[in-house]
């Protein structure tokens, strides 16, 4: 297992290294502390299994680094780890194609579950982001259930061909394009054509948007709630309330520095 770990605070990085080595003692972990370092890591390790990325890095503004990385390396699973947890920012992270978002205040056991699930091809989403499905859809630019992208009522769900449904299910499993080609015995160009058609059908710009829109249109892409981590798109448990002293009682190594 090869992990790219990008955070500008040594205490957090060291704690996450311990956690990752507990998950896999043979894990190769490469670190960076700023945006140029993150770009260099991604370019040097095209076979990386996962990148853990802090949004608040020197040399990056907002989601600019994430947008660049997902554009250059669409097959790289990126799990965003951040102390910024407002709903709009997190939905933007998902909209850009991240494999999930983990608050730094999340309990260690939930963080481990999130990492394992993303590694298996899932998309990890905090529960409180989807408590109001209509508001979440609006933030992603998706229509309410039963309406098209222009907000007009529709009589039936988006119709996909049988082959497109097969591709959709593999996308839901987190399969990259090359794996879909092998599974369905199709050329890369053909698979990309199907993926483009799926995105267009749902008015989506990336895999996460397409899966959420497919679910809203009645397709079984396994949108789950709570800690049912066997599902393809997972909704994480809500973050625990902080204690009177203002710190989470989660025992999470990523909370070594509050407000990250």
C-alpha atoms as a PDB file:
ATOM      1  CA  UNK A   1       0.000   0.000   0.000  1.00  0.00           C
ATOM      2  CA  UNK A   2       1.386   3.397  -1.031  1.00  0.00           C
ATOM      3  CA  UNK A   3       0.019   6.477   0.730  1.00  0.00           C
ATOM      4  CA  UNK A   4       0.713  10.138   0.011  1.00  0.00           C
ATOM      5  CA  UNK A   5       0.281  12.181   3.196  1.00  0.00           C
ATOM      6  CA  UNK A   6       0.123  15.960   2.792  1.00  0.00           C
ATOM      7  CA  UNK A   7      -0.138  18.159   5.885  1.00  0.00           C
ATOM      8  CA  UNK A   8       1.974  21.066   7.084  1.00  0.00           C
ATOM      9  CA  UNK A   9       1.931  20.111  10.767  1.00  0.00           C
ATOM     10  CA  UNK A  10       4.539  17.562  11.820  1.00  0.00           C
ATOM     11  CA  UNK A  11       2.582  16.434  14.893  1.00  0.00           C
ATOM     12  CA  UNK A  12      -0.420  15.467  12.770  1.00  0.00           C
ATOM     13  CA  UNK A  13       1.735  13.850  10.101  1.00  0.00           C
ATOM     14  CA  UNK A  14       3.615  11.743  12.647  1.00  0.00           C
ATOM     15  CA  UNK A  15       0.403  10.609  14.335  1.00  0.00           C
ATOM     16  CA  UNK A  16      -1.185   9.662  11.003  1.00  0.00           C
ATOM     17  CA  UNK A  17       1.917   7.708  10.030  1.00  0.00           C
ATOM     18  CA  UNK A  18       1.484   5.584  13.153  1.00  0.00           C
ATOM     19  CA  UNK A  19      -2.188   5.081  12.356  1.00  0.00           C
ATOM     20  CA  UNK A  20      -1.465   4.090   8.754  1.00  0.00           C
ATOM     21  CA  UNK A  21       1.254   1.652   9.772  1.00  0.00           C
ATOM     22  CA  UNK A  22      -1.217   0.087  12.187  1.00  0.00           C
ATOM     23  CA  UNK A  23      -3.494  -0.463   9.186  1.00  0.00           C
ATOM     24  CA  UNK A  24      -0.679  -1.891   7.085  1.00  0.00           C
ATOM     25  CA  UNK A  25       2.779  -2.446   8.595  1.00  0.00           C
ATOM     26  CA  UNK A  26       4.204  -2.658   5.056  1.00  0.00           C
ATOM     27  CA  UNK A  27       2.684   0.643   3.945  1.00  0.00           C
ATOM     28  CA  UNK A  28       4.923   3.051   2.055  1.00  0.00           C
ATOM     29  CA  UNK A  29       4.184   6.582   3.202  1.00  0.00           C
ATOM     30  CA  UNK A  30       5.474   9.672   1.409  1.00  0.00           C
ATOM     31  CA  UNK A  31       4.916  13.114   2.869  1.00  0.00           C
ATOM     32  CA  UNK A  32       4.751  16.738   1.778  1.00  0.00           C
ATOM     33  CA  UNK A  33       4.068  19.957   3.665  1.00  0.00           C
ATOM     34  CA  UNK A  34       2.861  22.382   0.985  1.00  0.00           C
ATOM     35  CA  UNK A  35       1.061  22.598  -2.364  1.00  0.00           C
ATOM     36  CA  UNK A  36       4.173  22.273  -4.586  1.00  0.00           C
ATOM     37  CA  UNK A  37       5.229  19.241  -2.552  1.00  0.00           C
ATOM     38  CA  UNK A  38       1.812  17.647  -2.997  1.00  0.00           C
ATOM     39  CA  UNK A  39       1.991  18.146  -6.768  1.00  0.00           C
ATOM     40  CA  UNK A  40       5.488  16.667  -6.835  1.00  0.00           C
ATOM     41  CA  UNK A  41       4.405  13.608  -4.840  1.00  0.00           C
ATOM     42  CA  UNK A  42       1.456  12.967  -7.139  1.00  0.00           C
ATOM     43  CA  UNK A  43       3.679  13.241 -10.219  1.00  0.00           C
ATOM     44  CA  UNK A  44       6.354  10.942  -8.786  1.00  0.00           C
ATOM     45  CA  UNK A  45       3.999   8.259  -7.458  1.00  0.00           C
ATOM     46  CA  UNK A  46       1.415   7.612 -10.152  1.00  0.00           C
ATOM     47  CA  UNK A  47       0.739   4.205  -8.592  1.00  0.00           C
ATOM     48  CA  UNK A  48      -0.236   5.640  -5.186  1.00  0.00           C
ATOM     49  CA  UNK A  49      -3.278   4.011  -3.597  1.00  0.00           C
ATOM     50  CA  UNK A  50      -4.428   7.075  -1.661  1.00  0.00           C
ATOM     51  CA  UNK A  51      -3.625  10.682  -0.869  1.00  0.00           C
ATOM     52  CA  UNK A  52      -4.606  12.179   2.481  1.00  0.00           C
ATOM     53  CA  UNK A  53      -4.784  15.897   1.793  1.00  0.00           C
ATOM     54  CA  UNK A  54      -5.162  18.864   4.129  1.00  0.00           C
ATOM     55  CA  UNK A  55      -6.820  21.773   2.335  1.00  0.00           C
ATOM     56  CA  UNK A  56      -5.150  24.504   4.380  1.00  0.00           C
ATOM     57  CA  UNK A  57      -1.646  24.194   2.940  1.00  0.00           C
ATOM     58  CA  UNK A  58       0.950  26.869   2.214  1.00  0.00           C
ATOM     59  CA  UNK A  59       0.832  27.684  -1.484  1.00  0.00           C
ATOM     60  CA  UNK A  60      -2.853  26.790  -1.910  1.00  0.00           C
ATOM     61  CA  UNK A  61      -6.043  28.805  -1.656  1.00  0.00           C
ATOM     62  CA  UNK A  62      -9.339  27.135  -0.871  1.00  0.00           C
ATOM     63  CA  UNK A  63      -9.820  24.075  -3.061  1.00  0.00           C
ATOM     64  CA  UNK A  64      -7.407  25.194  -5.802  1.00  0.00           C
ATOM     65  CA  UNK A  65      -4.901  22.407  -5.095  1.00  0.00           C
ATOM     66  CA  UNK A  66      -7.570  19.720  -4.969  1.00  0.00           C
ATOM     67  CA  UNK A  67      -9.019  20.957  -8.252  1.00  0.00           C
ATOM     68  CA  UNK A  68      -5.600  20.781  -9.898  1.00  0.00           C
ATOM     69  CA  UNK A  69      -4.816  17.304  -8.558  1.00  0.00           C
ATOM     70  CA  UNK A  70      -8.159  15.768  -9.529  1.00  0.00           C
ATOM     71  CA  UNK A  71      -7.778  17.288 -12.988  1.00  0.00           C
ATOM     72  CA  UNK A  72      -4.257  15.941 -13.540  1.00  0.00           C
ATOM     73  CA  UNK A  73      -4.675  12.601 -11.751  1.00  0.00           C
ATOM     74  CA  UNK A  74      -8.330  11.527 -12.010  1.00  0.00           C
ATOM     75  CA  UNK A  75      -7.577   7.958 -10.869  1.00  0.00           C
ATOM     76  CA  UNK A  76      -5.874   9.055  -7.636  1.00  0.00           C
ATOM     77  CA  UNK A  77      -8.133   8.592  -4.612  1.00  0.00           C
ATOM     78  CA  UNK A  78      -7.926  11.759  -2.516  1.00  0.00           C
ATOM     79  CA  UNK A  79      -9.379  11.799   0.989  1.00  0.00           C
ATOM     80  CA  UNK A  80      -9.585  15.360   2.267  1.00  0.00           C
ATOM     81  CA  UNK A  81      -8.696  15.767   5.924  1.00  0.00           C
ATOM     82  CA  UNK A  82      -9.539  19.215   7.284  1.00  0.00           C
ATOM     83  CA  UNK A  83     -10.709  21.217  10.250  1.00  0.00           C
ATOM     84  CA  UNK A  84     -12.935  23.334   7.990  1.00  0.00           C
ATOM     85  CA  UNK A  85     -16.328  21.670   8.018  1.00  0.00           C
ATOM     86  CA  UNK A  86     -18.935  24.074   6.691  1.00  0.00           C
ATOM     87  CA  UNK A  87     -21.398  22.276   4.442  1.00  0.00           C
ATOM     88  CA  UNK A  88     -20.772  24.326   1.319  1.00  0.00           C
ATOM     89  CA  UNK A  89     -16.993  23.740   1.428  1.00  0.00           C
ATOM     90  CA  UNK A  90     -17.394  20.004   1.910  1.00  0.00           C
ATOM     91  CA  UNK A  91     -19.897  19.710  -0.912  1.00  0.00           C
ATOM     92  CA  UNK A  92     -17.443  21.622  -3.105  1.00  0.00           C
ATOM     93  CA  UNK A  93     -14.749  19.079  -2.220  1.00  0.00           C
ATOM     94  CA  UNK A  94     -17.053  16.249  -3.304  1.00  0.00           C
ATOM     95  CA  UNK A  95     -18.066  18.146  -6.407  1.00  0.00           C
ATOM     96  CA  UNK A  96     -14.412  18.325  -7.459  1.00  0.00           C
ATOM     97  CA  UNK A  97     -14.171  14.538  -7.314  1.00  0.00           C
ATOM     98  CA  UNK A  98     -12.532  13.827  -3.957  1.00  0.00           C
ATOM     99  CA  UNK A  99     -13.019  10.311  -2.607  1.00  0.00           C
ATOM    100  CA  UNK A 100     -14.377  11.754   0.604  1.00  0.00           C
ATOM    101  CA  UNK A 101     -14.053  14.267   3.408  1.00  0.00           C
ATOM    102  CA  UNK A 102     -12.954  13.545   6.975  1.00  0.00           C
ATOM    103  CA  UNK A 103     -13.141  16.179   9.724  1.00  0.00           C
ATOM    104  CA  UNK A 104      -9.982  16.325  11.833  1.00  0.00           C
ATOM    105  CA  UNK A 105     -12.200  16.002  14.896  1.00  0.00           C
ATOM    106  CA  UNK A 106     -13.437  12.566  13.806  1.00  0.00           C
ATOM    107  CA  UNK A 107     -12.901   9.684  16.237  1.00  0.00           C
ATOM    108  CA  UNK A 108      -9.929   7.468  15.432  1.00  0.00           C
ATOM    109  CA  UNK A 109     -11.983   4.338  14.789  1.00  0.00           C
ATOM    110  CA  UNK A 110     -14.188   6.229  12.325  1.00  0.00           C
ATOM    111  CA  UNK A 111     -11.121   7.698  10.628  1.00  0.00           C
ATOM    112  CA  UNK A 112      -9.685   4.200  10.203  1.00  0.00           C
ATOM    113  CA  UNK A 113     -12.991   2.999   8.759  1.00  0.00           C
ATOM    114  CA  UNK A 114     -13.081   5.941   6.356  1.00  0.00           C
ATOM    115  CA  UNK A 115      -9.557   5.248   5.102  1.00  0.00           C
ATOM    116  CA  UNK A 116     -10.291   1.546   4.639  1.00  0.00           C
ATOM    117  CA  UNK A 117     -13.510   2.290   2.826  1.00  0.00           C
ATOM    118  CA  UNK A 118     -11.994   4.809   0.443  1.00  0.00           C
ATOM    119  CA  UNK A 119      -9.173   2.352  -0.236  1.00  0.00           C
ATOM    120  CA  UNK A 120     -11.792  -0.204  -1.253  1.00  0.00           C
ATOM    121  CA  UNK A 121     -13.309   2.238  -3.749  1.00  0.00           C
ATOM    122  CA  UNK A 122     -15.979   3.969  -1.691  1.00  0.00           C
ATOM    123  CA  UNK A 123     -16.822   7.646  -1.319  1.00  0.00           C
ATOM    124  CA  UNK A 124     -16.963   8.773   2.307  1.00  0.00           C
ATOM    125  CA  UNK A 125     -19.442  11.534   3.138  1.00  0.00           C
ATOM    126  CA  UNK A 126     -20.173  13.014   6.593  1.00  0.00           C
ATOM    127  CA  UNK A 127     -23.732  12.250   7.703  1.00  0.00           C
ATOM    128  CA  UNK A 128     -24.748  15.798   8.521  1.00  0.00           C
ATOM    129  CA  UNK A 129     -24.136  16.824   4.894  1.00  0.00           C
ATOM    130  CA  UNK A 130     -26.957  14.632   3.661  1.00  0.00           C
ATOM    131  CA  UNK A 131     -29.466  15.129   6.465  1.00  0.00           C
ATOM    132  CA  UNK A 132     -31.181  17.661   4.218  1.00  0.00           C
ATOM    133  CA  UNK A 133     -31.080  15.963   0.818  1.00  0.00           C
ATOM    134  CA  UNK A 134     -32.688  18.859  -1.011  1.00  0.00           C
ATOM    135  CA  UNK A 135     -30.192  21.407   0.280  1.00  0.00           C
ATOM    136  CA  UNK A 136     -27.295  19.077  -0.500  1.00  0.00           C
ATOM    137  CA  UNK A 137     -28.533  18.588  -4.036  1.00  0.00           C
ATOM    138  CA  UNK A 138     -28.834  22.341  -4.546  1.00  0.00           C
ATOM    139  CA  UNK A 139     -25.260  22.852  -3.374  1.00  0.00           C
ATOM    140  CA  UNK A 140     -24.066  20.305  -5.913  1.00  0.00           C
ATOM    141  CA  UNK A 141     -26.175  21.885  -8.612  1.00  0.00           C
ATOM    142  CA  UNK A 142     -28.379  18.801  -8.789  1.00  0.00           C
ATOM    143  CA  UNK A 143     -32.150  18.874  -9.122  1.00  0.00           C
ATOM    144  CA  UNK A 144     -34.588  17.782  -6.469  1.00  0.00           C
ATOM    145  CA  UNK A 145     -35.889  14.255  -6.763  1.00  0.00           C
ATOM    146  CA  UNK A 146     -38.393  14.014  -9.604  1.00  0.00           C
ATOM    147  CA  UNK A 147     -37.128  17.111 -11.454  1.00  0.00           C
ATOM    148  CA  UNK A 148     -34.733  17.618 -14.339  1.00  0.00           C
ATOM    149  CA  UNK A 149     -31.716  19.948 -14.405  1.00  0.00           C
ATOM    150  CA  UNK A 150     -34.007  22.858 -15.304  1.00  0.00           C
ATOM    151  CA  UNK A 151     -36.220  22.167 -12.300  1.00  0.00           C
ATOM    152  CA  UNK A 152     -39.105  20.812 -14.386  1.00  0.00           C
ATOM    153  CA  UNK A 153     -41.087  17.776 -13.191  1.00  0.00           C
ATOM    154  CA  UNK A 154     -40.143  14.553 -14.956  1.00  0.00           C
ATOM    155  CA  UNK A 155     -42.380  11.540 -15.444  1.00  0.00           C
ATOM    156  CA  UNK A 156     -39.648   8.899 -15.196  1.00  0.00           C
ATOM    157  CA  UNK A 157     -36.053   8.453 -14.148  1.00  0.00           C
ATOM    158  CA  UNK A 158     -33.053   9.036 -16.402  1.00  0.00           C
ATOM    159  CA  UNK A 159     -32.775   6.084 -18.766  1.00  0.00           C
ATOM    160  CA  UNK A 160     -29.393   4.432 -19.302  1.00  0.00           C
ATOM    161  CA  UNK A 161     -28.531   1.663 -21.716  1.00  0.00           C
ATOM    162  CA  UNK A 162     -27.700  -1.767 -20.300  1.00  0.00           C
ATOM    163  CA  UNK A 163     -24.002  -1.187 -20.933  1.00  0.00           C
ATOM    164  CA  UNK A 164     -24.128   2.244 -19.292  1.00  0.00           C
ATOM    165  CA  UNK A 165     -25.746   0.683 -16.220  1.00  0.00           C
ATOM    166  CA  UNK A 166     -22.895  -1.831 -16.070  1.00  0.00           C
ATOM    167  CA  UNK A 167     -20.374   1.003 -16.244  1.00  0.00           C
ATOM    168  CA  UNK A 168     -22.328   2.928 -13.594  1.00  0.00           C
ATOM    169  CA  UNK A 169     -22.164  -0.004 -11.178  1.00  0.00           C
ATOM    170  CA  UNK A 170     -18.409  -0.302 -11.681  1.00  0.00           C
ATOM    171  CA  UNK A 171     -18.031   3.441 -11.117  1.00  0.00           C
ATOM    172  CA  UNK A 172     -19.985   2.974  -7.895  1.00  0.00           C
ATOM    173  CA  UNK A 173     -17.478   0.329  -6.816  1.00  0.00           C
ATOM    174  CA  UNK A 174     -14.699   2.867  -7.297  1.00  0.00           C
ATOM    175  CA  UNK A 175     -13.204   1.105 -10.308  1.00  0.00           C
ATOM    176  CA  UNK A 176     -10.834   3.221 -12.437  1.00  0.00           C
ATOM    177  CA  UNK A 177     -11.229   3.319 -16.209  1.00  0.00           C
ATOM    178  CA  UNK A 178      -8.625   0.591 -16.823  1.00  0.00           C
ATOM    179  CA  UNK A 179     -10.394  -1.827 -14.479  1.00  0.00           C
ATOM    180  CA  UNK A 180     -13.750  -1.119 -16.146  1.00  0.00           C
ATOM    181  CA  UNK A 181     -12.127  -1.873 -19.511  1.00  0.00           C
ATOM    182  CA  UNK A 182     -10.898  -5.229 -18.225  1.00  0.00           C
ATOM    183  CA  UNK A 183     -14.136  -6.144 -16.451  1.00  0.00           C
ATOM    184  CA  UNK A 184     -16.322  -5.411 -19.485  1.00  0.00           C
ATOM    185  CA  UNK A 185     -13.758  -6.309 -22.172  1.00  0.00           C
ATOM    186  CA  UNK A 186     -14.070  -2.871 -23.746  1.00  0.00           C
ATOM    187  CA  UNK A 187     -11.529  -0.428 -25.127  1.00  0.00           C
ATOM    188  CA  UNK A 188     -10.563   2.611 -23.087  1.00  0.00           C
ATOM    189  CA  UNK A 189     -12.152   4.914 -25.657  1.00  0.00           C
ATOM    190  CA  UNK A 190     -15.453   3.040 -25.478  1.00  0.00           C
ATOM    191  CA  UNK A 191     -15.520   3.139 -21.676  1.00  0.00           C
ATOM    192  CA  UNK A 192     -14.756   6.858 -21.638  1.00  0.00           C
ATOM    193  CA  UNK A 193     -17.602   7.397 -24.110  1.00  0.00           C
ATOM    194  CA  UNK A 194     -20.000   5.555 -21.787  1.00  0.00           C
ATOM    195  CA  UNK A 195     -18.765   7.514 -18.759  1.00  0.00           C
ATOM    196  CA  UNK A 196     -19.258  10.790 -20.627  1.00  0.00           C
ATOM    197  CA  UNK A 197     -22.765   9.730 -21.605  1.00  0.00           C
ATOM    198  CA  UNK A 198     -23.586   8.856 -17.978  1.00  0.00           C
ATOM    199  CA  UNK A 199     -22.316  12.207 -16.736  1.00  0.00           C
ATOM    200  CA  UNK A 200     -24.305  14.008 -19.417  1.00  0.00           C
ATOM    201  CA  UNK A 201     -27.471  12.039 -18.610  1.00  0.00           C
ATOM    202  CA  UNK A 202     -27.311  13.100 -14.966  1.00  0.00           C
ATOM    203  CA  UNK A 203     -25.936  16.600 -15.574  1.00  0.00           C
ATOM    204  CA  UNK A 204     -22.839  15.649 -13.573  1.00  0.00           C
ATOM    205  CA  UNK A 205     -19.222  16.713 -13.963  1.00  0.00           C
ATOM    206  CA  UNK A 206     -17.526  13.920 -11.991  1.00  0.00           C
ATOM    207  CA  UNK A 207     -18.041  10.478 -10.496  1.00  0.00           C
ATOM    208  CA  UNK A 208     -19.352  11.638  -7.118  1.00  0.00           C
ATOM    209  CA  UNK A 209     -21.983  13.909  -8.662  1.00  0.00           C
ATOM    210  CA  UNK A 210     -23.020  11.142 -11.062  1.00  0.00           C
ATOM    211  CA  UNK A 211     -23.434   8.584  -8.269  1.00  0.00           C
ATOM    212  CA  UNK A 212     -25.458  10.934  -6.089  1.00  0.00           C
ATOM    213  CA  UNK A 213     -27.646  11.908  -9.043  1.00  0.00           C
ATOM    214  CA  UNK A 214     -28.078   8.255 -10.047  1.00  0.00           C
ATOM    215  CA  UNK A 215     -29.236   7.424  -6.550  1.00  0.00           C
ATOM    216  CA  UNK A 216     -31.743  10.260  -6.665  1.00  0.00           C
ATOM    217  CA  UNK A 217     -33.020   8.859  -9.957  1.00  0.00           C
ATOM    218  CA  UNK A 218     -33.693   5.444  -8.466  1.00  0.00           C
ATOM    219  CA  UNK A 219     -30.536   3.567  -9.454  1.00  0.00           C
ATOM    220  CA  UNK A 220     -29.129   1.222  -6.843  1.00  0.00           C
ATOM    221  CA  UNK A 221     -25.701   2.723  -6.210  1.00  0.00           C
ATOM    222  CA  UNK A 222     -25.859   1.839  -2.535  1.00  0.00           C
ATOM    223  CA  UNK A 223     -26.143   5.177  -0.785  1.00  0.00           C
ATOM    224  CA  UNK A 224     -25.845   4.273   2.904  1.00  0.00           C
ATOM    225  CA  UNK A 225     -26.232   6.006   6.257  1.00  0.00           C
ATOM    226  CA  UNK A 226     -24.527   5.758   9.624  1.00  0.00           C
ATOM    227  CA  UNK A 227     -21.558   3.397   9.790  1.00  0.00           C
ATOM    228  CA  UNK A 228     -22.684   0.864   7.197  1.00  0.00           C
ATOM    229  CA  UNK A 229     -19.264   0.840   5.551  1.00  0.00           C
ATOM    230  CA  UNK A 230     -20.015  -2.042   3.217  1.00  0.00           C
ATOM    231  CA  UNK A 231     -21.910   0.340   0.952  1.00  0.00           C
ATOM    232  CA  UNK A 232     -20.396   2.161  -1.993  1.00  0.00           C
ATOM    233  CA  UNK A 233     -21.150   5.715  -0.902  1.00  0.00           C
ATOM    234  CA  UNK A 234     -20.986   6.027   2.845  1.00  0.00           C
ATOM    235  CA  UNK A 235     -22.370   8.682   5.129  1.00  0.00           C
ATOM    236  CA  UNK A 236     -20.088   9.083   8.104  1.00  0.00           C
ATOM    237  CA  UNK A 237     -21.355   9.381  11.666  1.00  0.00           C
ATOM    238  CA  UNK A 238     -21.739  12.977  12.781  1.00  0.00           C
ATOM    239  CA  UNK A 239     -18.790  14.456  14.626  1.00  0.00           C
ATOM    240  CA  UNK A 240     -18.986  14.128  18.383  1.00  0.00           C
ATOM    241  CA  UNK A 241     -19.789  17.254  20.401  1.00  0.00           C
ATOM    242  CA  UNK A 242     -16.788  18.874  22.005  1.00  0.00           C
ATOM    243  CA  UNK A 243     -16.251  18.874  25.723  1.00  0.00           C
ATOM    244  CA  UNK A 244     -16.581  21.937  27.878  1.00  0.00           C
ATOM    245  CA  UNK A 245     -12.901  22.679  27.266  1.00  0.00           C
ATOM    246  CA  UNK A 246     -13.559  23.034  23.559  1.00  0.00           C
ATOM    247  CA  UNK A 247     -11.680  19.902  22.390  1.00  0.00           C
ATOM    248  CA  UNK A 248     -13.166  16.772  20.895  1.00  0.00           C
ATOM    249  CA  UNK A 249     -13.077  13.694  23.069  1.00  0.00           C
ATOM    250  CA  UNK A 250     -12.462  11.557  19.983  1.00  0.00           C
ATOM    251  CA  UNK A 251      -8.827  10.578  20.706  1.00  0.00           C
ATOM    252  CA  UNK A 252      -8.096  11.258  17.052  1.00  0.00           C
ATOM    253  CA  UNK A 253      -4.430  11.832  16.143  1.00  0.00           C
ATOM    254  CA  UNK A 254      -5.566  14.442  13.656  1.00  0.00           C
ATOM    255  CA  UNK A 255      -6.927  16.611  16.473  1.00  0.00           C
ATOM    256  CA  UNK A 256      -3.458  17.156  17.891  1.00  0.00           C
ATOM    257  CA  UNK A 257      -3.804  20.749  16.728  1.00  0.00           C
ATOM    258  CA  UNK A 258      -7.298  22.208  16.885  1.00  0.00           C
ATOM    259  CA  UNK A 259      -8.608  24.438  14.135  1.00  0.00           C
ATOM    260  CA  UNK A 260      -6.473  22.845  11.404  1.00  0.00           C
END
